Protein backbone atom coordinates (compact mmCIF):
# COMPACT_ATOMS: atom_id res chain seq x y z
CA MET A 1 99.35 141.35 83.58
CA ALA A 2 100.99 141.08 86.98
CA LEU A 3 102.70 137.80 87.76
CA GLN A 4 101.25 135.82 90.61
CA LYS A 5 103.68 135.42 93.50
CA LEU A 6 104.70 131.85 94.25
CA LYS A 7 103.34 130.77 97.63
CA LYS A 8 105.22 128.40 99.90
CA ALA A 9 104.50 126.88 103.29
CA PHE A 10 105.96 124.31 105.64
CA PHE A 11 104.03 121.07 106.17
CA CYS A 12 104.54 118.41 108.83
CA GLN A 13 105.12 115.07 107.11
CA ASN A 14 103.66 113.24 110.12
CA CYS A 15 100.33 115.00 110.78
CA GLY A 16 99.92 117.55 107.95
CA PHE A 17 100.18 120.68 110.12
CA GLN A 18 100.82 123.82 108.03
CA ALA A 19 103.15 126.56 109.30
CA PRO A 20 104.29 129.81 107.66
CA LYS A 21 107.93 129.23 108.71
CA TRP A 22 110.17 126.36 109.64
CA MET A 23 110.13 125.08 113.22
CA GLY A 24 112.19 122.31 114.69
CA LYS A 25 109.26 120.75 116.55
CA CYS A 26 105.77 120.39 115.13
CA PRO A 27 103.32 122.14 117.51
CA SER A 28 100.52 119.75 116.51
CA CYS A 29 102.00 116.24 116.93
CA GLY A 30 105.22 117.07 118.79
CA GLU A 31 107.54 115.34 116.29
CA TRP A 32 110.96 116.83 115.56
CA ASN A 33 112.38 117.72 112.12
CA THR A 34 109.21 116.81 110.20
CA LEU A 35 108.42 120.25 108.69
CA THR A 36 109.40 120.51 105.02
CA GLU A 37 108.90 123.39 102.60
CA GLU A 38 106.40 122.84 99.78
CA ILE A 39 104.90 125.02 97.08
CA ILE A 40 101.16 125.55 97.40
CA SER A 41 98.82 126.68 94.64
CA GLY A 42 97.63 130.27 94.99
CA GLY A 43 94.03 131.05 95.78
CA THR A 44 93.95 134.50 94.13
CA ASP A 45 94.22 135.76 90.58
CA SER A 46 96.65 138.39 89.27
CA THR A 47 94.53 141.24 90.66
CA GLY A 48 94.50 139.77 94.16
CA HIS A 49 90.83 138.73 94.15
CA VAL A 50 89.78 135.33 95.45
CA LYS A 51 88.92 132.84 92.74
CA THR A 52 85.37 131.49 92.69
CA SER A 53 83.98 128.42 90.96
CA ALA A 54 81.89 128.86 87.81
CA ASN A 55 79.37 126.25 89.00
CA LYS A 56 77.90 127.85 92.09
CA GLY A 57 75.89 125.62 94.42
CA THR A 58 72.43 126.61 95.57
CA PRO A 59 71.03 125.66 98.99
CA LYS A 60 68.11 123.23 99.16
CA LYS A 61 65.55 122.47 101.82
CA ILE A 62 66.36 119.29 103.68
CA ALA A 63 62.84 118.02 102.98
CA ASP A 64 63.46 118.31 99.23
CA ILE A 65 66.68 116.26 99.31
CA SER A 66 66.38 112.57 98.48
CA GLY A 67 67.80 110.26 101.15
CA GLU A 68 68.37 107.36 98.77
CA THR A 69 72.01 106.48 98.16
CA GLY A 70 71.26 104.09 95.31
CA GLU A 71 71.59 100.34 95.13
CA ARG A 72 74.75 99.08 96.80
CA LEU A 73 77.32 97.26 94.71
CA ASP A 74 77.81 93.65 95.79
CA SER A 75 81.55 93.01 96.16
CA MET A 76 80.95 89.23 95.94
CA ASP A 77 82.75 88.94 99.30
CA SER A 78 80.57 88.29 102.35
CA GLU A 79 83.16 89.60 104.84
CA PHE A 80 83.85 92.77 102.81
CA ASN A 81 80.12 93.45 102.48
CA ARG A 82 79.65 92.90 106.22
CA VAL A 83 82.26 95.51 107.16
CA LEU A 84 80.94 98.07 104.65
CA GLY A 85 77.38 97.65 105.92
CA GLY A 86 75.86 95.63 103.08
CA GLY A 87 77.94 96.51 100.02
CA ILE A 88 79.70 99.38 98.26
CA VAL A 89 77.71 102.63 98.07
CA PRO A 90 77.82 104.39 94.66
CA GLY A 91 80.06 107.46 94.73
CA SER A 92 81.70 106.49 98.02
CA VAL A 93 85.44 106.77 98.63
CA ILE A 94 87.01 104.00 100.74
CA LEU A 95 90.45 104.30 102.31
CA LEU A 96 92.17 100.99 103.09
CA GLY A 97 95.27 100.96 105.30
CA GLY A 98 97.52 98.24 106.63
CA GLU A 99 101.10 97.14 107.15
CA PRO A 100 103.29 96.22 104.17
CA GLY A 101 102.75 92.64 103.02
CA ILE A 102 99.56 92.15 105.01
CA GLY A 103 97.46 91.52 101.87
CA LYS A 104 95.83 94.83 100.91
CA SER A 105 96.58 94.49 97.20
CA THR A 106 95.54 90.83 97.23
CA LEU A 107 92.19 91.66 98.83
CA LEU A 108 91.40 94.41 96.34
CA LEU A 109 92.61 92.50 93.27
CA GLN A 110 90.47 89.48 94.04
CA THR A 111 87.52 91.83 94.65
CA ALA A 112 88.14 93.40 91.23
CA LEU A 113 88.31 89.99 89.55
CA ARG A 114 85.10 88.77 91.16
CA LEU A 115 83.09 91.71 89.83
CA GLY A 116 82.81 90.11 86.41
CA ASN A 117 79.58 91.91 85.50
CA LYS A 118 81.06 95.37 86.24
CA LYS A 119 83.79 97.32 84.49
CA VAL A 120 86.60 97.58 87.05
CA LEU A 121 89.76 99.67 86.64
CA TYR A 122 92.69 98.66 88.85
CA ILE A 123 95.31 101.45 88.92
CA SER A 124 98.69 100.57 90.40
CA GLY A 125 101.50 102.99 91.05
CA GLU A 126 103.71 100.41 92.76
CA GLU A 127 103.59 97.31 90.54
CA SER A 128 103.85 96.69 86.83
CA GLU A 129 101.09 95.14 84.77
CA THR A 130 103.05 91.87 84.57
CA GLN A 131 103.31 91.60 88.36
CA ILE A 132 99.58 92.12 88.75
CA LYS A 133 98.91 89.51 86.05
CA LEU A 134 101.05 86.94 87.87
CA ARG A 135 99.13 87.53 91.12
CA ALA A 136 95.82 87.22 89.28
CA GLU A 137 96.89 83.87 87.80
CA ARG A 138 97.57 82.52 91.31
CA MET A 139 94.02 83.44 92.33
CA GLN A 140 92.59 81.43 89.41
CA ILE A 141 89.70 83.86 88.90
CA GLU A 142 88.69 84.74 85.34
CA SER A 143 87.26 88.21 84.70
CA PRO A 144 86.50 89.72 81.28
CA ASN A 145 85.90 93.26 82.60
CA CYS A 146 88.92 93.89 84.84
CA TYR A 147 91.33 96.49 83.37
CA ILE A 148 94.84 97.17 84.69
CA LEU A 149 96.63 100.51 84.47
CA ALA A 150 100.16 101.13 85.78
CA GLU A 151 100.33 104.91 86.12
CA ASN A 152 101.52 107.55 88.61
CA SER A 153 100.40 110.78 86.94
CA LEU A 154 97.07 112.04 88.25
CA GLU A 155 96.38 113.96 85.01
CA ASN A 156 96.74 110.79 82.94
CA ILE A 157 94.57 108.83 85.39
CA LEU A 158 91.77 111.40 85.26
CA ALA A 159 91.93 111.38 81.45
CA VAL A 160 91.60 107.58 81.41
CA LEU A 161 88.67 107.73 83.83
CA GLU A 162 86.85 110.23 81.60
CA ALA A 163 87.44 108.08 78.52
CA GLU A 164 86.68 104.63 80.00
CA SER A 165 83.96 105.49 82.58
CA PRO A 166 84.50 102.41 84.81
CA ASP A 167 81.96 101.17 87.34
CA PHE A 168 84.51 100.59 90.12
CA ILE A 169 88.00 102.07 90.64
CA ILE A 170 90.89 100.82 92.78
CA ILE A 171 94.01 102.95 93.28
CA ASP A 172 97.06 101.29 94.84
CA SER A 173 98.26 103.50 96.38
CA ILE A 174 97.41 107.17 96.97
CA GLN A 175 100.96 107.92 98.17
CA THR A 176 102.42 107.04 94.76
CA LEU A 177 100.34 109.52 92.72
CA HIS A 178 101.84 112.77 91.45
CA PHE A 179 100.03 115.96 90.41
CA SER A 180 102.14 118.28 88.23
CA LEU A 181 100.64 121.53 89.58
CA VAL A 182 101.93 120.70 93.07
CA ASP A 183 105.69 121.14 93.24
CA SER A 184 106.61 118.40 95.71
CA SER A 185 107.53 114.73 95.61
CA PRO A 186 104.94 111.91 95.59
CA GLY A 187 103.81 110.94 99.07
CA SER A 188 104.19 114.42 100.53
CA VAL A 189 101.35 116.06 102.40
CA SER A 190 100.48 118.44 99.56
CA GLN A 191 100.51 115.72 96.90
CA VAL A 192 98.38 113.30 98.92
CA ARG A 193 95.85 115.97 99.86
CA GLU A 194 95.50 117.39 96.33
CA CYS A 195 95.35 113.99 94.57
CA ALA A 196 92.78 112.68 97.03
CA ALA A 197 90.64 115.81 96.70
CA ARG A 198 90.46 115.56 92.90
CA LEU A 199 89.68 111.83 93.00
CA ILE A 200 86.94 112.39 95.59
CA ARG A 201 85.46 115.11 93.40
CA TYR A 202 85.37 112.72 90.44
CA ALA A 203 83.72 110.01 92.56
CA LYS A 204 80.97 112.34 93.79
CA GLU A 205 80.26 113.84 90.37
CA SER A 206 80.23 110.53 88.47
CA GLY A 207 78.79 108.29 91.21
CA THR A 208 81.67 105.84 90.81
CA PRO A 209 83.01 104.20 94.00
CA ILE A 210 86.76 104.46 94.52
CA VAL A 211 89.01 102.48 96.87
CA LEU A 212 92.28 104.16 97.88
CA VAL A 213 95.10 102.15 99.42
CA GLY A 214 97.04 104.09 102.05
CA HIS A 215 100.45 103.32 103.51
CA ILE A 216 100.92 103.44 107.27
CA ASN A 217 103.68 105.03 109.32
CA LYS A 218 105.72 103.56 112.17
CA GLU A 219 102.96 104.32 114.70
CA GLY A 220 100.47 102.21 112.71
CA SER A 221 98.26 105.06 111.49
CA ILE A 222 97.71 105.93 107.84
CA ALA A 223 100.56 108.04 106.50
CA GLY A 224 99.96 111.49 105.10
CA PRO A 225 97.72 114.28 106.38
CA LYS A 226 94.99 113.42 108.87
CA VAL A 227 92.58 115.32 106.64
CA LEU A 228 92.75 112.35 104.25
CA GLU A 229 90.73 110.24 106.70
CA HIS A 230 88.25 113.09 107.16
CA MET A 231 87.74 113.51 103.41
CA THR A 232 86.95 109.84 102.68
CA ASP A 233 83.64 108.17 103.49
CA VAL A 234 84.97 104.86 104.86
CA VAL A 235 88.30 104.14 106.56
CA LEU A 236 89.25 100.45 106.78
CA GLN A 237 92.16 98.84 108.59
CA PHE A 238 93.58 95.49 107.49
CA GLU A 239 95.28 93.90 110.49
CA GLY A 240 97.07 90.69 111.34
CA ASP A 241 100.43 89.03 111.71
CA ARG A 242 102.28 88.28 108.50
CA HIS A 243 103.61 85.08 110.07
CA HIS A 244 100.09 83.77 110.75
CA LEU A 245 97.23 82.92 108.43
CA PHE A 246 94.43 85.11 109.75
CA ARG A 247 93.64 88.73 108.89
CA ILE A 248 91.02 91.07 110.34
CA LEU A 249 89.31 93.81 108.34
CA ARG A 250 87.71 96.48 110.53
CA ALA A 251 86.19 99.91 109.92
CA SER A 252 87.31 102.87 112.01
CA LYS A 253 84.94 105.19 110.12
CA ASN A 254 81.85 104.39 108.05
CA ARG A 255 79.35 107.02 106.92
CA TYR A 256 77.04 104.36 105.48
CA GLY A 257 77.04 101.71 108.19
CA SER A 258 78.26 100.56 111.57
CA THR A 259 81.89 100.46 112.69
CA SER A 260 81.28 97.51 115.01
CA GLU A 261 81.47 94.82 112.31
CA ILE A 262 84.66 93.00 111.35
CA GLY A 263 85.66 90.62 108.59
CA ILE A 264 88.01 87.67 109.14
CA TYR A 265 90.11 86.18 106.33
CA GLU A 266 92.52 83.29 106.00
CA MET A 267 95.58 83.77 103.81
CA LYS A 268 96.06 80.96 101.28
CA ASN A 269 98.18 80.45 98.18
CA SER A 270 95.21 81.37 96.00
CA GLY A 271 94.40 84.56 97.91
CA LEU A 272 92.31 85.55 100.92
CA SER A 273 89.47 83.24 101.87
CA PRO A 274 86.59 84.53 104.09
CA VAL A 275 86.27 82.75 107.43
CA LEU A 276 82.58 82.26 108.16
CA ASN A 277 83.07 80.36 111.45
CA PRO A 278 86.31 81.59 113.07
CA SER A 279 85.77 79.74 116.36
CA SER A 280 86.10 76.30 114.77
CA ILE A 281 89.43 77.31 113.18
CA LEU A 282 90.99 79.24 116.05
CA LEU A 283 90.47 76.43 118.56
CA GLY A 284 93.31 73.91 118.52
CA GLU A 285 92.56 70.20 118.43
CA THR A 286 94.68 68.04 120.75
CA GLU A 287 94.37 64.36 121.61
CA PHE A 288 95.46 64.73 125.23
CA PRO A 289 94.53 67.48 127.70
CA LEU A 290 97.46 69.80 128.37
CA SER A 291 98.00 72.20 131.23
CA GLY A 292 98.24 75.92 130.58
CA THR A 293 95.40 76.23 128.05
CA ALA A 294 91.94 77.75 128.45
CA ILE A 295 89.15 78.71 126.06
CA GLY A 296 87.90 82.28 126.22
CA THR A 297 84.98 83.96 124.47
CA ALA A 298 85.92 87.23 122.78
CA MET A 299 83.92 89.81 120.87
CA GLU A 300 85.34 91.56 117.82
CA GLY A 301 82.77 94.11 116.82
CA MET A 302 79.41 92.34 116.82
CA ARG A 303 80.90 88.90 116.15
CA PRO A 304 81.56 86.44 119.01
CA PHE A 305 84.17 83.74 118.69
CA LEU A 306 86.05 81.36 120.94
CA ILE A 307 89.81 81.48 121.12
CA GLU A 308 92.48 79.44 122.87
CA VAL A 309 94.68 81.12 125.48
CA GLN A 310 98.03 79.48 126.27
CA ALA A 311 100.19 80.20 129.32
CA LEU A 312 103.54 78.93 130.56
CA VAL A 313 104.65 79.51 134.17
CA SER A 314 108.14 78.39 135.19
CA SER A 315 110.79 79.28 137.74
CA ALA A 316 112.89 82.32 136.87
CA VAL A 317 116.31 81.04 135.82
CA TYR A 318 118.05 84.36 135.16
CA GLY A 319 117.13 86.09 138.41
CA THR A 320 114.67 88.70 137.16
CA PRO A 321 111.25 87.17 136.29
CA GLN A 322 110.08 87.72 132.72
CA ARG A 323 106.59 88.79 131.69
CA SER A 324 105.81 88.34 128.01
CA ALA A 325 102.45 88.38 126.23
CA ASN A 326 101.75 87.78 122.54
CA GLY A 327 98.37 89.12 121.38
CA PHE A 328 97.48 90.46 124.85
CA ASP A 329 98.29 93.67 126.69
CA ASN A 330 101.44 93.10 128.74
CA ARG A 331 100.43 95.65 131.39
CA ARG A 332 97.08 93.95 131.89
CA LEU A 333 98.86 90.62 132.31
CA ASN A 334 100.97 92.14 135.11
CA MET A 335 97.78 93.40 136.78
CA LEU A 336 96.14 89.96 136.65
CA LEU A 337 99.26 88.34 138.11
CA ALA A 338 99.24 90.89 140.95
CA VAL A 339 95.58 90.07 141.68
CA LEU A 340 96.36 86.35 141.79
CA GLU A 341 99.20 86.91 144.23
CA LYS A 342 97.31 89.35 146.47
CA ARG A 343 93.85 87.76 146.52
CA CYS A 344 94.59 84.05 146.06
CA GLY A 345 98.04 83.69 147.58
CA PHE A 346 99.84 82.36 144.49
CA HIS A 347 103.53 83.28 144.65
CA LEU A 348 104.13 84.24 141.04
CA GLY A 349 106.56 87.08 141.70
CA ALA A 350 109.59 84.81 141.33
CA LYS A 351 108.35 82.97 138.22
CA ASP A 352 108.47 83.61 134.49
CA VAL A 353 105.05 83.98 132.88
CA PHE A 354 104.53 83.73 129.12
CA LEU A 355 101.14 84.20 127.47
CA ASN A 356 100.04 83.56 123.88
CA ILE A 357 96.77 84.16 122.04
CA THR A 358 96.58 81.56 119.27
CA GLY A 359 95.96 82.46 115.65
CA GLY A 360 98.15 85.58 115.64
CA LEU A 361 95.23 87.76 116.77
CA ARG A 362 95.43 90.63 119.23
CA ILE A 363 92.53 90.63 121.68
CA GLU A 364 91.53 93.76 123.62
CA ASP A 365 88.22 92.45 124.94
CA PRO A 366 88.34 92.48 128.79
CA ALA A 367 86.16 89.35 128.84
CA ILE A 368 89.26 87.31 128.03
CA ASP A 369 90.64 88.02 131.55
CA LEU A 370 88.97 84.94 133.01
CA ALA A 371 90.54 82.64 130.42
CA VAL A 372 93.97 84.24 130.98
CA VAL A 373 93.73 83.65 134.73
CA CYS A 374 92.65 80.04 134.24
CA ALA A 375 95.49 79.35 131.80
CA VAL A 376 98.06 80.84 134.21
CA LEU A 377 96.70 78.85 137.17
CA SER A 378 96.56 75.66 135.10
CA SER A 379 100.20 76.01 134.10
CA ASN A 380 101.31 76.97 137.60
CA GLU A 381 99.58 73.95 139.18
CA ASP A 382 100.33 71.72 136.16
CA VAL A 383 96.67 70.64 136.04
CA ALA A 384 94.91 70.36 132.70
CA LEU A 385 91.52 72.06 132.32
CA ASN A 386 88.57 70.41 130.68
CA ARG A 387 88.60 71.28 126.97
CA ARG A 388 84.80 71.56 127.07
CA TYR A 389 84.90 74.52 129.50
CA ALA A 390 84.68 78.12 128.28
CA PHE A 391 85.25 81.37 130.19
CA ALA A 392 83.92 84.92 129.84
CA GLY A 393 84.45 87.65 132.42
CA GLU A 394 86.51 90.65 133.44
CA VAL A 395 88.72 90.48 136.54
CA GLY A 396 88.80 93.53 138.78
CA LEU A 397 91.58 94.70 141.09
CA THR A 398 89.73 93.45 144.16
CA GLY A 399 89.44 89.96 142.69
CA GLU A 400 85.76 90.23 141.74
CA ILE A 401 84.49 88.92 138.40
CA ARG A 402 82.86 91.83 136.61
CA PRO A 403 80.13 91.51 133.94
CA VAL A 404 80.85 92.06 130.25
CA THR A 405 78.65 93.00 127.30
CA ARG A 406 76.68 90.71 124.97
CA MET A 407 76.82 87.70 127.26
CA GLU A 408 73.96 85.93 125.48
CA MET A 409 75.88 85.95 122.20
CA ARG A 410 78.96 84.50 123.91
CA ILE A 411 76.94 81.71 125.53
CA SER A 412 75.22 80.94 122.23
CA GLU A 413 78.59 80.64 120.44
CA ALA A 414 79.92 78.23 123.08
CA GLN A 415 76.68 76.26 122.96
CA LYS A 416 76.87 75.99 119.18
CA LEU A 417 80.34 74.47 119.35
CA GLY A 418 79.29 71.81 121.88
CA PHE A 419 80.85 73.12 125.10
CA GLU A 420 79.59 71.60 128.37
CA LYS A 421 80.12 74.54 130.75
CA ILE A 422 80.72 78.25 130.52
CA PHE A 423 81.89 80.27 133.52
CA ILE A 424 80.52 83.81 133.58
CA PRO A 425 80.10 86.58 136.21
CA ALA A 426 77.39 85.83 138.74
CA PHE A 427 75.67 89.16 138.02
CA SER A 428 75.43 88.28 134.31
CA LYS A 429 73.85 84.91 135.13
CA LYS A 430 71.12 86.59 137.16
CA SER A 431 70.29 88.95 134.30
CA LEU A 432 69.93 86.20 131.68
CA PRO A 433 66.33 86.03 130.37
CA HIS A 434 66.38 82.23 130.26
CA SER A 435 68.85 79.45 131.03
CA PRO A 436 70.11 77.50 127.98
CA SER A 437 69.44 73.78 127.99
CA ASP A 438 72.46 72.44 126.08
CA ILE A 439 75.17 74.12 128.15
CA GLN A 440 75.62 74.60 131.89
CA VAL A 441 76.10 78.23 132.92
CA VAL A 442 78.13 78.69 136.11
CA GLY A 443 78.15 82.06 137.85
CA ILE A 444 81.39 83.20 139.51
CA SER A 445 81.57 86.22 141.82
CA LYS A 446 85.21 86.08 143.01
CA ILE A 447 88.42 84.72 141.63
CA GLU A 448 88.72 82.38 144.64
CA ASP A 449 85.47 80.68 143.57
CA LEU A 450 86.92 80.13 140.12
CA PHE A 451 89.91 78.27 141.58
CA ARG A 452 87.65 75.98 143.63
CA ASN A 453 85.28 75.24 140.71
CA VAL A 454 87.87 74.63 138.01
CA LEU A 455 91.13 73.32 139.48
CA ILE A 456 90.05 71.43 142.60
C-alpha cells in the first residue's frame, strides 16, 4: 500500500487565511509575520481518490422539513434568555467572546449551577477542578447535576460526552483544546477549526446545546479563524470595563433570534446579577445640583435607558488644549465642540474639555449628542442644569437637531423615572402620535434654541 504524502500549508494566525507557501504579509488581513506552517489532514486515500462519508445525505423537499426547533432550554437568567431570543435552542452552538477577566467564566458557571434540573457538563481547559469549586462556593448556588471536567484532549472530551450524555455543555475555552490528528499547538488556526467542527457535529447529531468560550485578540475580535464565527449559530460579546461594575452582553450573530437585544449585568462578590432597570442605577444621586452634568437617553439594542453625561471645561494650562472622552467617541466630541464654536460663538478652542459617560459604558448612540452639548455648555458657563431634564437628539454639522429612532420609547423611559421635561428634535415632536401627560416634551430645531431654553 502506498504511503499517503504528508500535506502542509501556511495559515495566518490572525485571520485564518491559507497559503501554499510562506509570505511575509498576509494578503487577506494585511498583517506581517503571521503565517505559520501547519500539517493538515489529507483528503484522499492511498490511491489518490477523494474520501466520501459512509452516511450519505439525501435531499428533501422544503415542504417536508419540520420547522420546529424544539422547546428552548430556560437558562434561569432573564438577561441571557433575552439576548438569545427566549432561551437556548437544542443543538445550537454558542460562541462567547470577551476580554480577559471580564466575567465570561463566571457567567457560564452560574448558568450551569442554576440549571439544577438538567445534567450540565462544564469542561475547563484553563482552570483546575479546585479553582472552579472555589468560584462556585462564592456564588452560593447549590446544584446536584453540575459536573466539572478539567481536560484539554478533544478525544477524551468526546469519549466523556458519549458516556455521560449531558443536557448542556460548556467548554472554556476552545483555544485550549488539542486534537492529536492535527500536528500543531493548541490555539492555532488548524486546532481551533478542527476542534470546533467536531464539537458542532456532536451538537447537531445529539441535539445538545454547547457554549464555547473564545479568547479575543488585541483588536477586540475573537481570536482564531474567522470561519469559527461562521460555523457557530450564535456569537455573543461580553463587554465592559473591568474597573466598573456593569457588563453588557450583546449578540453579533443569532440564527434563532434578533441581534438587537442586550443584557446588562452588575458584577458582585457572589457573581453577576441581572440589571432589570439600568436607568435607576446608572443615574447618580446628588444632594446639590452641579454644573457639567446632563441626562441623556440612549438605546442599546431595543432597550432604552437614561445615563449621566459629565463634562469638565477649563482653561488650557499647558498651551495645547486637551480633548479626552471616556465612553464616547473622541472624534465626535471634537466635531460637537467645533459646532458650538462656529454656530453659537463659544470660544472653546483654547480650553481643555474632558467628557465621561458614567457607569463605565461606551455609548455609540447619536442621540446622546444633545446631552453631551448640554454638559459641555453647563461646565463652560458654570451653570447647573435641572436634574429633572432629559435630552435626546443628534447634532448635525450645521447646528440643527436631527431626529433619532424610537423616540416614544425614550420618552416613556424618562416619564417612568419621574422626569419633568425632555428635549427632543422638533421634527420628532411633530410626528408623535399623542403628547404624554406626565412629562413636558420640548421640541428643539437648532442648537441656539437649546442654549436659550436650558441655560438662560
